[in-house]
Amino acid sequence: MSCPLCQSSQISLFYKEAKSREFWRCQDCEYVFVPAEFHLSLEQEKARYALHENNIDDSGYQNFLMPVVEAVVKFCPARSRGLDFGCGPGPALAAILESRGYPMNLYDPFFFPDKGALDHQYDFITATEVFEHLREPRGVLVELSKLSDVLIIMTEQLGNPADFPHWYYKNDPTHIGFFSEASLRWMGNFIRAESFLVTNRLVVFKHPN
């Protein structure tokens, strides 16, 4: 077994839940991941996502998405074309951005699976609460970095490792990958992009012009 992000073999057991999942940590990039044997099936995964209530009319959810919207506005001029990657069953973020003058395409392997959306170049790509679910984060990172010079990722950052046993974010069975600041820096270096850590759950990767 190797790290799904940097492919290093320098990994070790980090935490084990009683009668449940294991979490392994890479010593090189500090990515924490759940081995494949503990993943849900694709059918189970889709069923859980279908329960998400990401309603565009929910003011609380709109507020949750605002850091992503603000990052798009900061890094991309109006009328820039974007891709909402992993948008889920209710693509609220795309609706908000379109209302602000950003034409959007959608892709989600479960709910908007038209891979034609991945055949275009974009001014920016958003991946909101997506990367913690990925079985192959390295491959997705490479693919998205080829489609756009600006990649905006929202995922809650792993802080002090000592707090991991009590961290709520690990409890979702669809969450199988966790990124520290070091992991995010590794990602930026790997795709040769500048990294902007906007908040503890939002990072922007931008290729130099």
C-alpha atoms as a PDB file:
ATOM      1  CA  MET A   1       0.000   0.000   0.000  1.00  0.00           C
ATOM      2  CA  SER A   2       1.209   3.511  -0.802  1.00  0.00           C
ATOM      3  CA  CYS A   3      -0.027   7.057  -0.292  1.00  0.00           C
ATOM      4  CA  PRO A   4      -2.903   7.818  -2.711  1.00  0.00           C
ATOM      5  CA  LEU A   5      -1.694  11.413  -3.006  1.00  0.00           C
ATOM      6  CA  CYS A   6       2.108  11.389  -3.380  1.00  0.00           C
ATOM      7  CA  GLN A   7       2.552   7.609  -3.890  1.00  0.00           C
ATOM      8  CA  SER A   8       5.150   7.358  -1.131  1.00  0.00           C
ATOM      9  CA  SER A   9       5.558   4.016   0.607  1.00  0.00           C
ATOM     10  CA  GLN A  10       6.428   5.814   3.849  1.00  0.00           C
ATOM     11  CA  ILE A  11       3.031   5.353   5.469  1.00  0.00           C
ATOM     12  CA  SER A  12       1.939   4.152   8.886  1.00  0.00           C
ATOM     13  CA  LEU A  13      -1.232   3.454  10.823  1.00  0.00           C
ATOM     14  CA  PHE A  14      -2.375   6.753  12.295  1.00  0.00           C
ATOM     15  CA  TYR A  15      -5.675   5.961  14.009  1.00  0.00           C
ATOM     16  CA  LYS A  16      -8.074   3.030  14.258  1.00  0.00           C
ATOM     17  CA  GLU A  17     -11.712   3.201  15.210  1.00  0.00           C
ATOM     18  CA  ALA A  18     -13.016   0.403  17.390  1.00  0.00           C
ATOM     19  CA  LYS A  19     -14.403  -2.333  15.101  1.00  0.00           C
ATOM     20  CA  SER A  20     -14.410   0.122  12.226  1.00  0.00           C
ATOM     21  CA  ARG A  21     -12.153   2.050   9.876  1.00  0.00           C
ATOM     22  CA  GLU A  22      -8.404   2.528   9.851  1.00  0.00           C
ATOM     23  CA  PHE A  23      -6.707   5.817   9.021  1.00  0.00           C
ATOM     24  CA  TRP A  24      -3.173   5.827   7.650  1.00  0.00           C
ATOM     25  CA  ARG A  25      -0.796   8.789   7.407  1.00  0.00           C
ATOM     26  CA  CYS A  26       1.901   9.536   4.868  1.00  0.00           C
ATOM     27  CA  GLN A  27       5.178  10.623   6.434  1.00  0.00           C
ATOM     28  CA  ASP A  28       6.173  12.540   3.295  1.00  0.00           C
ATOM     29  CA  CYS A  29       3.111  14.662   2.380  1.00  0.00           C
ATOM     30  CA  GLU A  30       1.159  14.202   5.661  1.00  0.00           C
ATOM     31  CA  TYR A  31      -1.996  13.096   3.835  1.00  0.00           C
ATOM     32  CA  VAL A  32      -4.273  10.933   6.001  1.00  0.00           C
ATOM     33  CA  PHE A  33      -6.373   8.334   4.216  1.00  0.00           C
ATOM     34  CA  VAL A  34      -8.712   5.399   4.716  1.00  0.00           C
ATOM     35  CA  PRO A  35      -7.575   2.221   2.897  1.00  0.00           C
ATOM     36  CA  ALA A  36      -9.808   0.903   0.111  1.00  0.00           C
ATOM     37  CA  GLU A  37     -11.004  -2.093   2.118  1.00  0.00           C
ATOM     38  CA  PHE A  38     -12.933   0.295   4.388  1.00  0.00           C
ATOM     39  CA  HIS A  39     -14.598   2.327   1.619  1.00  0.00           C
ATOM     40  CA  LEU A  40     -18.335   2.266   1.042  1.00  0.00           C
ATOM     41  CA  SER A  41     -19.568   0.752  -2.195  1.00  0.00           C
ATOM     42  CA  LEU A  42     -20.384   3.242  -4.951  1.00  0.00           C
ATOM     43  CA  GLU A  43     -24.085   2.505  -4.447  1.00  0.00           C
ATOM     44  CA  GLN A  44     -23.849   3.232  -0.711  1.00  0.00           C
ATOM     45  CA  GLU A  45     -21.866   6.380  -1.414  1.00  0.00           C
ATOM     46  CA  LYS A  46     -24.422   7.735  -3.896  1.00  0.00           C
ATOM     47  CA  ALA A  47     -27.286   6.980  -1.498  1.00  0.00           C
ATOM     48  CA  ARG A  48     -25.649   9.105   1.200  1.00  0.00           C
ATOM     49  CA  TYR A  49     -25.022  11.999  -1.181  1.00  0.00           C
ATOM     50  CA  ALA A  50     -28.660  11.910  -2.279  1.00  0.00           C
ATOM     51  CA  LEU A  51     -29.623  12.730   1.320  1.00  0.00           C
ATOM     52  CA  HIS A  52     -27.682  16.007   1.297  1.00  0.00           C
ATOM     53  CA  GLU A  53     -29.957  19.035   1.481  1.00  0.00           C
ATOM     54  CA  ASN A  54     -27.872  21.569  -0.417  1.00  0.00           C
ATOM     55  CA  ASN A  55     -30.738  23.886  -1.287  1.00  0.00           C
ATOM     56  CA  ILE A  56     -29.986  27.085  -3.192  1.00  0.00           C
ATOM     57  CA  ASP A  57     -32.711  28.832  -1.181  1.00  0.00           C
ATOM     58  CA  ASP A  58     -31.154  27.874   2.168  1.00  0.00           C
ATOM     59  CA  SER A  59     -29.459  31.017   3.508  1.00  0.00           C
ATOM     60  CA  GLY A  60     -27.215  28.946   5.769  1.00  0.00           C
ATOM     61  CA  TYR A  61     -25.919  26.944   2.837  1.00  0.00           C
ATOM     62  CA  GLN A  62     -25.432  30.116   0.809  1.00  0.00           C
ATOM     63  CA  ASN A  63     -23.286  31.517   3.627  1.00  0.00           C
ATOM     64  CA  PHE A  64     -21.298  28.276   3.713  1.00  0.00           C
ATOM     65  CA  LEU A  65     -20.500  28.696   0.009  1.00  0.00           C
ATOM     66  CA  MET A  66     -19.644  32.393   0.145  1.00  0.00           C
ATOM     67  CA  PRO A  67     -15.873  31.921   0.700  1.00  0.00           C
ATOM     68  CA  VAL A  68     -15.764  30.005  -2.593  1.00  0.00           C
ATOM     69  CA  VAL A  69     -17.796  32.686  -4.364  1.00  0.00           C
ATOM     70  CA  GLU A  70     -15.504  35.389  -2.967  1.00  0.00           C
ATOM     71  CA  ALA A  71     -12.425  33.468  -4.120  1.00  0.00           C
ATOM     72  CA  VAL A  72     -13.830  33.226  -7.646  1.00  0.00           C
ATOM     73  CA  VAL A  73     -14.533  36.961  -7.680  1.00  0.00           C
ATOM     74  CA  LYS A  74     -11.025  37.698  -6.384  1.00  0.00           C
ATOM     75  CA  PHE A  75      -9.103  35.516  -8.827  1.00  0.00           C
ATOM     76  CA  CYS A  76     -11.335  35.563 -11.916  1.00  0.00           C
ATOM     77  CA  PRO A  77     -12.928  38.504 -13.751  1.00  0.00           C
ATOM     78  CA  ALA A  78     -16.639  38.497 -14.531  1.00  0.00           C
ATOM     79  CA  ARG A  79     -17.719  36.313 -17.451  1.00  0.00           C
ATOM     80  CA  SER A  80     -14.927  33.836 -16.718  1.00  0.00           C
ATOM     81  CA  ARG A  81     -16.166  30.328 -17.473  1.00  0.00           C
ATOM     82  CA  GLY A  82     -16.073  27.804 -14.658  1.00  0.00           C
ATOM     83  CA  LEU A  83     -16.630  24.141 -13.917  1.00  0.00           C
ATOM     84  CA  ASP A  84     -18.325  23.054 -10.699  1.00  0.00           C
ATOM     85  CA  PHE A  85     -16.616  19.685 -10.254  1.00  0.00           C
ATOM     86  CA  GLY A  86     -18.430  17.293  -7.915  1.00  0.00           C
ATOM     87  CA  CYS A  87     -21.438  19.585  -7.731  1.00  0.00           C
ATOM     88  CA  GLY A  88     -23.757  17.000  -6.169  1.00  0.00           C
ATOM     89  CA  PRO A  89     -27.494  16.621  -6.800  1.00  0.00           C
ATOM     90  CA  GLY A  90     -28.267  20.309  -6.178  1.00  0.00           C
ATOM     91  CA  PRO A  91     -25.623  22.553  -7.799  1.00  0.00           C
ATOM     92  CA  ALA A  92     -26.225  25.616  -5.639  1.00  0.00           C
ATOM     93  CA  LEU A  93     -22.738  27.066  -6.085  1.00  0.00           C
ATOM     94  CA  ALA A  94     -23.072  27.116  -9.870  1.00  0.00           C
ATOM     95  CA  ALA A  95     -26.416  28.890  -9.558  1.00  0.00           C
ATOM     96  CA  ILE A  96     -24.925  31.579  -7.308  1.00  0.00           C
ATOM     97  CA  LEU A  97     -21.965  32.119  -9.618  1.00  0.00           C
ATOM     98  CA  GLU A  98     -24.153  32.275 -12.727  1.00  0.00           C
ATOM     99  CA  SER A  99     -26.266  34.935 -11.022  1.00  0.00           C
ATOM    100  CA  ARG A 100     -23.046  36.943 -10.691  1.00  0.00           C
ATOM    101  CA  GLY A 101     -22.124  36.640 -14.337  1.00  0.00           C
ATOM    102  CA  TYR A 102     -19.977  33.500 -14.392  1.00  0.00           C
ATOM    103  CA  PRO A 103     -21.186  30.890 -16.920  1.00  0.00           C
ATOM    104  CA  MET A 104     -20.832  27.436 -15.384  1.00  0.00           C
ATOM    105  CA  ASN A 105     -20.643  23.817 -16.476  1.00  0.00           C
ATOM    106  CA  LEU A 106     -21.386  20.925 -14.135  1.00  0.00           C
ATOM    107  CA  TYR A 107     -19.773  17.568 -13.535  1.00  0.00           C
ATOM    108  CA  ASP A 108     -20.509  14.986 -10.873  1.00  0.00           C
ATOM    109  CA  PRO A 109     -19.789  11.259 -11.316  1.00  0.00           C
ATOM    110  CA  PHE A 110     -23.112  10.353  -9.699  1.00  0.00           C
ATOM    111  CA  PHE A 111     -25.556  13.137 -10.568  1.00  0.00           C
ATOM    112  CA  PHE A 112     -24.156  14.968 -13.626  1.00  0.00           C
ATOM    113  CA  PRO A 113     -21.956  12.248 -15.164  1.00  0.00           C
ATOM    114  CA  ASP A 114     -21.550  13.687 -18.672  1.00  0.00           C
ATOM    115  CA  LYS A 115     -17.787  13.490 -19.155  1.00  0.00           C
ATOM    116  CA  GLY A 116     -18.095  15.885 -22.065  1.00  0.00           C
ATOM    117  CA  ALA A 117     -17.807  18.608 -19.431  1.00  0.00           C
ATOM    118  CA  LEU A 118     -14.226  17.432 -18.890  1.00  0.00           C
ATOM    119  CA  ASP A 119     -13.294  17.978 -22.534  1.00  0.00           C
ATOM    120  CA  HIS A 120     -13.111  21.772 -22.237  1.00  0.00           C
ATOM    121  CA  GLN A 121     -10.703  24.342 -20.863  1.00  0.00           C
ATOM    122  CA  TYR A 122     -11.979  26.598 -18.076  1.00  0.00           C
ATOM    123  CA  ASP A 123     -10.940  29.869 -16.493  1.00  0.00           C
ATOM    124  CA  PHE A 124     -11.491  28.281 -13.077  1.00  0.00           C
ATOM    125  CA  ILE A 125     -12.676  25.062 -11.459  1.00  0.00           C
ATOM    126  CA  THR A 126     -14.342  24.706  -8.068  1.00  0.00           C
ATOM    127  CA  ALA A 127     -14.339  21.504  -6.017  1.00  0.00           C
ATOM    128  CA  THR A 128     -16.432  22.181  -2.925  1.00  0.00           C
ATOM    129  CA  GLU A 129     -16.359  19.429  -0.287  1.00  0.00           C
ATOM    130  CA  VAL A 130     -15.116  16.997  -2.935  1.00  0.00           C
ATOM    131  CA  PHE A 131     -11.481  16.072  -2.327  1.00  0.00           C
ATOM    132  CA  GLU A 132     -12.142  14.376   1.017  1.00  0.00           C
ATOM    133  CA  HIS A 133     -14.300  11.851  -0.896  1.00  0.00           C
ATOM    134  CA  LEU A 134     -11.814  10.972  -3.637  1.00  0.00           C
ATOM    135  CA  ARG A 135     -10.419   7.477  -3.992  1.00  0.00           C
ATOM    136  CA  GLU A 136      -7.720   8.741  -6.372  1.00  0.00           C
ATOM    137  CA  PRO A 137      -6.916  12.329  -5.326  1.00  0.00           C
ATOM    138  CA  ARG A 138      -3.646  12.439  -7.255  1.00  0.00           C
ATOM    139  CA  GLY A 139      -5.277  11.530 -10.571  1.00  0.00           C
ATOM    140  CA  VAL A 140      -8.120  13.999 -10.120  1.00  0.00           C
ATOM    141  CA  LEU A 141      -5.687  16.768  -9.164  1.00  0.00           C
ATOM    142  CA  VAL A 142      -3.665  16.172 -12.322  1.00  0.00           C
ATOM    143  CA  GLU A 143      -6.768  16.040 -14.516  1.00  0.00           C
ATOM    144  CA  LEU A 144      -8.254  19.254 -13.140  1.00  0.00           C
ATOM    145  CA  SER A 145      -4.952  21.121 -13.298  1.00  0.00           C
ATOM    146  CA  LYS A 146      -4.843  20.397 -17.040  1.00  0.00           C
ATOM    147  CA  LEU A 147      -8.307  21.906 -17.545  1.00  0.00           C
ATOM    148  CA  SER A 148      -7.744  25.230 -15.788  1.00  0.00           C
ATOM    149  CA  ASP A 149      -5.083  27.533 -14.366  1.00  0.00           C
ATOM    150  CA  VAL A 150      -7.208  28.251 -11.276  1.00  0.00           C
ATOM    151  CA  LEU A 151      -8.412  25.454  -8.989  1.00  0.00           C
ATOM    152  CA  ILE A 152     -10.436  26.353  -5.892  1.00  0.00           C
ATOM    153  CA  ILE A 153     -10.809  23.562  -3.342  1.00  0.00           C
ATOM    154  CA  MET A 154     -12.916  23.576  -0.198  1.00  0.00           C
ATOM    155  CA  THR A 155     -12.159  20.820   2.295  1.00  0.00           C
ATOM    156  CA  GLU A 156     -11.657  21.107   6.031  1.00  0.00           C
ATOM    157  CA  GLN A 157      -7.975  21.148   6.860  1.00  0.00           C
ATOM    158  CA  LEU A 158      -6.492  18.672   9.314  1.00  0.00           C
ATOM    159  CA  GLY A 159      -4.935  20.607  12.167  1.00  0.00           C
ATOM    160  CA  ASN A 160      -3.182  19.196  15.215  1.00  0.00           C
ATOM    161  CA  PRO A 161      -2.840  15.413  14.744  1.00  0.00           C
ATOM    162  CA  ALA A 162      -3.493  14.953  18.468  1.00  0.00           C
ATOM    163  CA  ASP A 163      -7.039  16.231  17.920  1.00  0.00           C
ATOM    164  CA  PHE A 164      -7.847  13.686  15.219  1.00  0.00           C
ATOM    165  CA  PRO A 165      -9.686  11.169  17.458  1.00  0.00           C
ATOM    166  CA  HIS A 166     -12.212  13.867  18.369  1.00  0.00           C
ATOM    167  CA  TRP A 167     -12.451  15.524  14.946  1.00  0.00           C
ATOM    168  CA  TYR A 168     -16.024  15.396  13.637  1.00  0.00           C
ATOM    169  CA  TYR A 169     -14.908  15.561  10.000  1.00  0.00           C
ATOM    170  CA  LYS A 170     -13.501  12.039  10.034  1.00  0.00           C
ATOM    171  CA  ASN A 171     -16.830  10.541  11.150  1.00  0.00           C
ATOM    172  CA  ASP A 172     -18.582  10.765   7.780  1.00  0.00           C
ATOM    173  CA  PRO A 173     -18.053   7.327   6.177  1.00  0.00           C
ATOM    174  CA  THR A 174     -17.735   8.957   2.742  1.00  0.00           C
ATOM    175  CA  HIS A 175     -14.772  11.038   3.960  1.00  0.00           C
ATOM    176  CA  ILE A 176     -11.703   8.982   3.093  1.00  0.00           C
ATOM    177  CA  GLY A 177      -8.929  11.564   2.640  1.00  0.00           C
ATOM    178  CA  PHE A 178      -7.763  14.408   4.864  1.00  0.00           C
ATOM    179  CA  PHE A 179      -5.375  17.210   4.003  1.00  0.00           C
ATOM    180  CA  SER A 180      -3.005  19.077   6.288  1.00  0.00           C
ATOM    181  CA  GLU A 181      -1.349  22.349   5.338  1.00  0.00           C
ATOM    182  CA  ALA A 182       1.691  20.297   4.308  1.00  0.00           C
ATOM    183  CA  SER A 183      -0.490  18.132   2.051  1.00  0.00           C
ATOM    184  CA  LEU A 184      -1.909  21.205   0.342  1.00  0.00           C
ATOM    185  CA  ARG A 185       1.579  22.647  -0.157  1.00  0.00           C
ATOM    186  CA  TRP A 186       2.645  19.350  -1.708  1.00  0.00           C
ATOM    187  CA  MET A 187      -0.303  19.526  -4.106  1.00  0.00           C
ATOM    188  CA  GLY A 188       0.634  23.033  -5.226  1.00  0.00           C
ATOM    189  CA  ASN A 189       4.259  22.047  -5.797  1.00  0.00           C
ATOM    190  CA  PHE A 190       3.223  18.905  -7.648  1.00  0.00           C
ATOM    191  CA  ILE A 191       1.105  20.779 -10.205  1.00  0.00           C
ATOM    192  CA  ARG A 192       3.573  23.697 -10.245  1.00  0.00           C
ATOM    193  CA  ALA A 193       1.028  26.200  -9.022  1.00  0.00           C
ATOM    194  CA  GLU A 194       1.051  28.957  -6.451  1.00  0.00           C
ATOM    195  CA  SER A 195      -0.937  28.045  -3.339  1.00  0.00           C
ATOM    196  CA  PHE A 196      -3.144  30.500  -1.494  1.00  0.00           C
ATOM    197  CA  LEU A 197      -4.523  29.196   1.808  1.00  0.00           C
ATOM    198  CA  VAL A 198      -7.549  31.449   2.116  1.00  0.00           C
ATOM    199  CA  THR A 199      -9.074  29.856   5.226  1.00  0.00           C
ATOM    200  CA  ASN A 200      -8.633  26.601   7.148  1.00  0.00           C
ATOM    201  CA  ARG A 201     -11.013  24.983   4.666  1.00  0.00           C
ATOM    202  CA  LEU A 202     -10.306  26.822   1.396  1.00  0.00           C
ATOM    203  CA  VAL A 203      -7.245  26.743  -0.841  1.00  0.00           C
ATOM    204  CA  VAL A 204      -6.678  28.256  -4.282  1.00  0.00           C
ATOM    205  CA  PHE A 205      -4.099  26.858  -6.684  1.00  0.00           C
ATOM    206  CA  LYS A 206      -3.123  29.245  -9.467  1.00  0.00           C
ATOM    207  CA  HIS A 207      -0.664  28.599 -12.259  1.00  0.00           C
ATOM    208  CA  PRO A 208       1.564  31.611 -12.933  1.00  0.00           C
ATOM    209  CA  ASN A 209       0.694  33.461 -16.133  1.00  0.00           C
END
